[in-house]
Amino acid sequence: MVVFLLELLKENTDDQSKIEELDRILNRPNINQDLVENEMKMELGYREKDFTEKIDVINRLNIPCESKKERLEKLLNKFTVSTNKLLYRIRSNQMDNIQNSNLLNMFSGIVIVWDNAKAHIAHHVRDIMDFLGVRISPLPVRCPDYNPIEYPWGDSKRETAKEPIDDENDLKNFFEEQFYTQTEKNNYSDYWFKLIHEKRKFYADKIKTSTI
C-alpha cells in the first residue's frame, strides 16, 4: 500500500527533486530476506526471556511428569514469531524511510475511495493512512458500482479476455495498455458523478416520502 502511494505521488509531480527522492525510497530494499530474518531474530529475542520464565514456572509445579511434559509441549508450540508484530516492525522501517525523506506533506491531498475488503479495513492499513495523513472515503457495503475504478477495471478485463495471451508478462502488458486506453476513451468520472447524484436524489426522495 505504501509503495503504491509513493508511485502515485511520483506520477503526479513534476518536481524533479521530489521524483529523485521518491525513486531513492522506492528503490531501497525495505523488505527482503535479510530484513525479515533480522526482524524475526529480534522478535524471538524479545520473547525468549518470557518463554524461559514460563518454563521455570511449569517445572516448579507439583504435578505429574506427564502433565508437565504436555504443558511444555503446548508452550513450545506457541514459541513462534507473531505475524502482526513482524509486520509492524517492517512497516515501521518503511515509515521511517518516508519520515526521514521530508515527503510527508505530499500525502495530505490524497483521498482513497475503496470498499470494505478485509485488506482495506485492517487496523495496520488504517494506521498507515493516519500516519501519512491520507483521507479514506469508504463505500457502503456491497456497492461496487459506487467506486469509479470498477468501470475501467471491468472494461479492461472484458477486452483482455478476448485476447489470446501466451504468458504472464503478455497478460500484464496487454491489460495495462487496455486500462490506459479505456480511461482515455471513456469519461468514467462523469458517469460516476451522475450515478452518485442520482443515488443521493433517490434516497433523499425516499426519506422525504417516509416522513410525510
Protein backbone atom coordinates (compact mmCIF):
# COMPACT_ATOMS: atom_id res chain seq x y z
CA MET A 1 0.00 0.00 0.00
CA VAL A 2 2.79 2.40 0.91
CA VAL A 3 4.66 1.55 -2.30
CA PHE A 4 1.50 2.21 -4.32
CA LEU A 5 1.07 5.64 -2.70
CA LEU A 6 4.69 6.53 -3.35
CA GLU A 7 4.35 5.55 -7.01
CA LEU A 8 1.14 7.60 -7.18
CA LEU A 9 2.96 10.66 -5.85
CA LYS A 10 5.76 10.16 -8.37
CA GLU A 11 3.28 10.02 -11.27
CA ASN A 12 1.62 13.25 -10.15
CA THR A 13 4.54 15.59 -9.59
CA ASP A 14 6.81 17.50 -11.97
CA ASP A 15 9.26 18.44 -9.24
CA GLN A 16 12.47 16.66 -10.27
CA SER A 17 13.98 16.78 -6.76
CA LYS A 18 10.90 15.07 -5.31
CA ILE A 19 10.93 12.48 -8.09
CA GLU A 20 14.56 11.66 -7.29
CA GLU A 21 13.76 11.41 -3.57
CA LEU A 22 10.81 9.13 -4.26
CA ASP A 23 12.99 6.98 -6.50
CA ARG A 24 15.53 6.59 -3.70
CA ILE A 25 12.81 5.34 -1.34
CA LEU A 26 11.16 3.08 -3.92
CA ASN A 27 14.49 1.50 -4.87
CA ARG A 28 15.54 0.96 -1.26
CA PRO A 29 15.33 -2.75 -0.33
CA ASN A 30 12.90 -2.27 2.55
CA ILE A 31 11.54 -5.79 2.51
CA ASN A 32 14.00 -8.52 1.63
CA GLN A 33 15.02 -11.86 3.09
CA ASP A 34 17.77 -10.41 5.30
CA LEU A 35 15.48 -7.79 6.79
CA VAL A 36 12.75 -10.32 7.55
CA GLU A 37 15.24 -12.72 9.15
CA ASN A 38 16.75 -9.95 11.28
CA GLU A 39 13.33 -8.78 12.43
CA MET A 40 12.37 -12.36 13.28
CA LYS A 41 15.52 -12.80 15.36
CA MET A 42 14.83 -9.58 17.24
CA GLU A 43 11.21 -10.58 17.87
CA LEU A 44 12.28 -14.02 19.09
CA GLY A 45 14.86 -12.38 21.34
CA TYR A 46 12.15 -10.27 22.98
CA ARG A 47 10.03 -13.37 23.57
CA GLU A 48 12.82 -15.65 24.81
CA LYS A 49 13.01 -14.20 28.33
CA ASP A 50 9.27 -14.57 28.85
CA PHE A 51 9.41 -18.08 27.40
CA THR A 52 12.21 -19.14 29.80
CA GLU A 53 10.29 -17.79 32.81
CA LYS A 54 7.21 -19.79 31.83
CA ILE A 55 9.29 -22.98 31.57
CA ASP A 56 10.59 -22.39 35.11
CA VAL A 57 7.04 -21.92 36.40
CA ILE A 58 5.91 -25.20 34.82
CA ASN A 59 8.94 -27.08 36.20
CA ARG A 60 8.15 -25.87 39.72
CA LEU A 61 4.55 -27.09 39.59
CA ASN A 62 3.72 -30.03 41.83
CA ILE A 63 2.08 -32.10 39.08
CA PRO A 64 2.84 -35.45 37.39
CA CYS A 65 5.69 -35.52 34.85
CA GLU A 66 3.31 -36.35 32.02
CA SER A 67 1.27 -33.21 32.78
CA LYS A 68 4.45 -31.11 32.87
CA LYS A 69 5.55 -32.58 29.55
CA GLU A 70 2.17 -31.81 27.99
CA ARG A 71 2.25 -28.19 29.19
CA LEU A 72 5.84 -27.71 28.00
CA GLU A 73 4.93 -29.05 24.55
CA LYS A 74 2.00 -26.63 24.31
CA LEU A 75 4.28 -23.77 25.35
CA LEU A 76 6.91 -24.79 22.79
CA ASN A 77 4.31 -24.79 20.01
CA LYS A 78 3.47 -21.19 20.89
CA PHE A 79 7.09 -20.04 20.63
CA THR A 80 6.81 -18.53 17.17
CA VAL A 81 7.16 -15.09 15.68
CA SER A 82 3.95 -13.08 15.83
CA THR A 83 2.99 -12.22 12.26
CA ASN A 84 1.37 -8.97 13.38
CA LYS A 85 4.44 -7.89 15.33
CA LEU A 86 6.76 -8.80 12.47
CA LEU A 87 4.65 -6.79 10.01
CA TYR A 88 4.60 -3.91 12.47
CA ARG A 89 8.39 -3.86 12.71
CA ILE A 90 8.85 -4.00 8.91
CA ARG A 91 6.16 -1.36 8.44
CA SER A 92 7.89 0.89 10.96
CA ASN A 93 11.04 0.59 8.88
CA GLN A 94 9.15 1.78 5.80
CA MET A 95 7.55 4.64 7.69
CA ASP A 96 10.94 5.79 8.98
CA ASN A 97 12.24 5.98 5.41
CA ILE A 98 9.32 8.21 4.40
CA GLN A 99 9.52 10.38 7.51
CA ASN A 100 13.24 10.95 7.03
CA SER A 101 12.66 11.98 3.42
CA ASN A 102 10.53 15.08 4.25
CA LEU A 103 7.85 13.92 1.80
CA LEU A 104 5.03 13.55 4.31
CA ASN A 105 3.30 16.78 3.27
CA MET A 106 2.82 15.36 -0.25
CA PHE A 107 0.31 12.81 1.06
CA SER A 108 -2.09 15.32 2.59
CA GLY A 109 -4.09 15.88 -0.61
CA ILE A 110 -4.72 12.20 -1.33
CA VAL A 111 -8.21 10.74 -0.86
CA ILE A 112 -8.68 7.00 -1.37
CA VAL A 113 -12.13 5.68 -2.31
CA TRP A 114 -12.41 1.97 -1.58
CA ASP A 115 -14.73 -0.77 -0.45
CA ASN A 116 -14.82 -2.77 2.77
CA ALA A 117 -12.48 -5.57 1.77
CA LYS A 118 -10.60 -7.01 4.76
CA ALA A 119 -7.29 -5.65 3.49
CA HIS A 120 -8.79 -2.14 3.37
CA ILE A 121 -10.29 -2.10 6.86
CA ALA A 122 -7.34 -3.80 8.60
CA HIS A 123 -6.03 -1.85 11.58
CA HIS A 124 -2.46 -1.63 10.27
CA VAL A 125 -3.69 -0.20 6.95
CA ARG A 126 -5.72 2.44 8.78
CA ASP A 127 -2.67 3.22 10.95
CA ILE A 128 -0.56 3.79 7.82
CA MET A 129 -3.18 6.10 6.33
CA ASP A 130 -3.42 8.08 9.58
CA PHE A 131 0.38 8.37 9.75
CA LEU A 132 0.58 9.65 6.18
CA GLY A 133 -2.42 11.95 6.53
CA VAL A 134 -4.28 10.23 3.68
CA ARG A 135 -8.07 10.55 3.79
CA ILE A 136 -10.19 7.43 3.30
CA SER A 137 -13.64 7.62 1.75
CA PRO A 138 -15.29 4.23 2.48
CA LEU A 139 -18.02 2.90 0.22
CA PRO A 140 -21.25 1.37 1.53
CA VAL A 141 -21.24 -2.42 1.92
CA ARG A 142 -21.87 -4.37 -1.32
CA CYS A 143 -21.92 -1.30 -3.55
CA PRO A 144 -19.07 -1.81 -6.05
CA ASP A 145 -20.83 0.47 -8.57
CA TYR A 146 -20.06 3.41 -6.27
CA ASN A 147 -16.33 3.01 -6.92
CA PRO A 148 -15.22 4.79 -10.14
CA ILE A 149 -12.24 2.45 -10.61
CA GLU A 150 -14.58 -0.51 -11.13
CA TYR A 151 -15.71 0.78 -14.55
CA PRO A 152 -12.33 1.00 -16.35
CA TRP A 153 -11.27 -2.14 -14.45
CA GLY A 154 -14.29 -4.07 -15.78
CA ASP A 155 -13.92 -2.81 -19.37
CA SER A 156 -10.20 -3.64 -19.35
CA LYS A 157 -10.88 -7.17 -18.12
CA ARG A 158 -13.50 -7.73 -20.82
CA GLU A 159 -11.12 -6.60 -23.58
CA THR A 160 -8.28 -8.68 -22.13
CA ALA A 161 -10.50 -11.78 -22.05
CA LYS A 162 -10.89 -11.56 -25.85
CA GLU A 163 -7.13 -11.55 -26.45
CA PRO A 164 -5.08 -14.78 -26.81
CA ILE A 165 -2.43 -14.44 -24.09
CA ASP A 166 0.73 -16.58 -24.12
CA ASP A 167 2.28 -15.83 -20.75
CA GLU A 168 2.02 -13.75 -17.59
CA ASN A 169 4.17 -10.93 -18.96
CA ASP A 170 1.96 -10.57 -22.06
CA LEU A 171 -1.12 -10.53 -19.81
CA LYS A 172 0.32 -7.76 -17.66
CA ASN A 173 1.39 -5.63 -20.63
CA PHE A 174 -1.86 -6.03 -22.54
CA PHE A 175 -4.02 -5.31 -19.51
CA GLU A 176 -2.01 -2.19 -18.63
CA GLU A 177 -2.35 -0.97 -22.22
CA GLN A 178 -6.10 -1.62 -22.15
CA PHE A 179 -6.52 0.17 -18.84
CA TYR A 180 -4.98 3.38 -20.14
CA THR A 181 -6.85 3.06 -23.45
CA GLN A 182 -10.20 2.71 -21.68
CA THR A 183 -9.58 5.61 -19.28
CA GLU A 184 -8.60 7.92 -22.14
CA LYS A 185 -11.53 6.85 -24.32
CA ASN A 186 -14.33 6.97 -21.71
CA ASN A 187 -15.35 9.64 -19.23
CA TYR A 188 -15.80 7.36 -16.23
CA SER A 189 -15.66 10.13 -13.64
CA ASP A 190 -18.54 11.97 -15.30
CA TYR A 191 -20.63 8.80 -15.29
CA TRP A 192 -19.71 8.19 -11.65
CA PHE A 193 -20.72 11.72 -10.55
CA LYS A 194 -24.08 11.32 -12.30
CA LEU A 195 -24.63 7.97 -10.61
CA ILE A 196 -23.87 9.34 -7.15
CA HIS A 197 -26.15 12.32 -7.78
CA GLU A 198 -29.00 10.01 -8.85
CA LYS A 199 -28.49 7.77 -5.81
CA ARG A 200 -28.49 10.75 -3.44
CA LYS A 201 -31.67 12.11 -5.01
CA PHE A 202 -33.33 8.68 -4.84
CA TYR A 203 -32.62 8.27 -1.12
CA ALA A 204 -33.47 11.91 -0.35
CA ASP A 205 -36.88 11.45 -2.02
CA LYS A 206 -37.33 8.15 -0.20
CA ILE A 207 -36.61 9.76 3.17
CA LYS A 208 -38.88 12.68 2.36
CA THR A 209 -41.73 10.31 1.42
CA SER A 210 -41.33 8.21 4.55
CA THR A 211 -41.54 11.27 6.82
CA ILE A 212 -44.74 12.64 5.29
